[in-house]
Protein backbone atom coordinates (compact mmCIF):
# COMPACT_ATOMS: atom_id res chain seq x y z
CA MET A 1 51.81 20.99 -12.61
CA ASP A 2 52.85 17.56 -13.82
CA ALA A 3 52.31 16.07 -17.28
CA VAL A 4 49.06 14.34 -16.31
CA GLY A 5 47.63 17.57 -14.90
CA THR A 6 48.61 19.48 -18.03
CA LEU A 7 47.03 16.84 -20.26
CA ARG A 8 43.86 16.97 -18.14
CA VAL A 9 43.63 20.76 -18.51
CA TRP A 10 44.11 20.53 -22.28
CA LEU A 11 41.42 17.84 -22.52
CA ILE A 12 39.02 20.02 -20.51
CA VAL A 13 39.69 22.97 -22.83
CA ALA A 14 39.33 20.80 -25.95
CA PHE A 15 36.06 19.23 -24.76
CA THR A 16 34.68 22.65 -23.81
CA LEU A 17 35.55 24.11 -27.23
CA LEU A 18 34.05 21.10 -29.01
CA GLY A 19 30.89 21.45 -26.92
CA LEU A 20 30.63 25.13 -27.80
CA PHE A 21 31.21 24.39 -31.49
CA PHE A 22 28.48 21.74 -31.70
CA SER A 23 26.07 23.90 -29.70
CA LEU A 24 26.70 26.76 -32.12
CA VAL A 25 26.12 24.45 -35.10
CA SER A 26 22.88 23.24 -33.51
CA MET A 27 21.67 26.78 -32.85
CA THR A 28 22.50 27.85 -36.40
CA GLY A 29 20.72 24.81 -37.83
CA VAL A 30 17.58 25.42 -35.80
CA LEU A 31 17.47 29.03 -36.96
CA ARG A 32 18.33 28.43 -40.63
CA LEU A 33 16.79 25.11 -41.66
CA PRO A 34 13.42 25.23 -43.43
CA ASP A 35 11.15 22.71 -41.69
CA VAL A 36 10.49 20.93 -38.44
CA TYR A 37 12.06 17.68 -39.62
CA SER A 38 15.40 19.25 -40.51
CA ARG A 39 15.40 21.29 -37.32
CA ALA A 40 14.67 18.26 -35.17
CA HIS A 41 17.52 16.39 -36.86
CA THR A 42 20.12 19.09 -36.26
CA ALA A 43 18.88 19.79 -32.77
CA SER A 44 19.07 16.17 -31.71
CA GLN A 45 22.47 15.37 -33.20
CA ALA A 46 24.50 18.53 -32.77
CA ASP A 47 22.94 19.47 -29.46
CA THR A 48 23.56 15.99 -28.06
CA LEU A 49 27.22 16.26 -29.05
CA GLY A 50 27.46 19.80 -27.65
CA ALA A 51 25.99 18.82 -24.32
CA GLY A 52 28.00 15.60 -24.32
CA PHE A 53 31.34 17.31 -24.78
CA GLY A 54 30.41 20.01 -22.28
CA LEU A 55 29.46 17.47 -19.64
CA ALA A 56 32.58 15.44 -20.38
CA ALA A 57 34.63 18.57 -19.69
CA VAL A 58 32.78 19.09 -16.42
CA ALA A 59 33.31 15.46 -15.40
CA LEU A 60 37.04 15.77 -16.11
CA ALA A 61 37.24 19.05 -14.20
CA ILE A 62 35.57 17.83 -11.01
CA GLY A 63 36.78 14.22 -11.05
CA LEU A 64 34.85 10.98 -10.99
CA GLU A 65 33.89 10.89 -7.35
CA GLY A 66 30.44 12.07 -6.21
CA ALA A 67 29.36 14.92 -8.46
CA GLY A 68 31.50 13.71 -11.36
CA PHE A 69 29.70 10.37 -11.33
CA LYS A 70 26.37 12.20 -11.42
CA THR A 71 27.63 14.21 -14.38
CA VAL A 72 28.40 11.00 -16.26
CA LEU A 73 24.88 9.73 -15.46
CA LEU A 74 23.43 12.98 -16.78
CA LEU A 75 25.50 12.57 -19.93
CA PHE A 76 24.05 9.08 -20.44
CA PHE A 77 20.52 10.43 -19.82
CA ILE A 78 21.00 13.13 -22.48
CA PHE A 79 22.33 10.60 -25.00
CA VAL A 80 19.20 8.50 -24.51
CA THR A 81 16.49 11.16 -24.28
CA ASN A 82 17.56 13.81 -26.79
CA PRO A 83 17.24 11.64 -29.94
CA THR A 84 14.04 10.12 -28.54
CA ALA A 85 12.51 13.57 -28.07
CA ALA A 86 13.49 14.61 -31.62
CA HIS A 87 11.87 11.46 -32.97
CA ALA A 88 8.69 12.16 -31.00
CA ILE A 89 8.56 15.74 -32.31
CA SER A 90 9.06 14.59 -35.91
CA ARG A 91 6.45 11.88 -35.57
CA ALA A 92 3.94 14.33 -34.09
CA ALA A 93 4.58 16.72 -37.00
CA PHE A 94 4.06 13.88 -39.48
CA GLU A 95 0.80 12.82 -37.81
CA GLU A 96 -0.41 16.43 -37.95
CA GLY A 97 0.11 16.40 -41.71
CA ILE A 98 3.10 18.73 -41.89
CA VAL A 99 4.82 17.91 -45.16
CA PRO A 100 8.62 17.94 -45.40
CA TRP A 101 10.30 20.76 -47.28
CA THR A 102 11.48 19.92 -50.79
CA GLU A 103 13.95 21.78 -52.99
CA GLY A 104 11.31 23.54 -55.08
CA ASP A 105 9.33 24.89 -52.12
CA ASP A 106 9.30 28.63 -51.49
CA ARG A 107 7.90 28.39 -47.97
CA ARG A 108 10.65 29.07 -45.52
């Protein structure tokens, strides 16, 4: 394997590990945070990064022809829709009268 191939493999591994890390952070945040607003925030940011790095690893692994191009399009779609969905969920919670958690609240 030449130097470019070795670098490509290391980038794939690094992107996969970063994707797993951010997905784990997102999962932990959704389970541990106290209210819908905090959960929507962590889910949209960390999950977008997790999926983004994972799809970047897939695109590097399969190349940029055909399926790799579709992977990049999917990556763009996730970057656009994930924060939009989190905003819609938070706005719906606000319109339903769900109050944000504050430091003195015992409800968890």
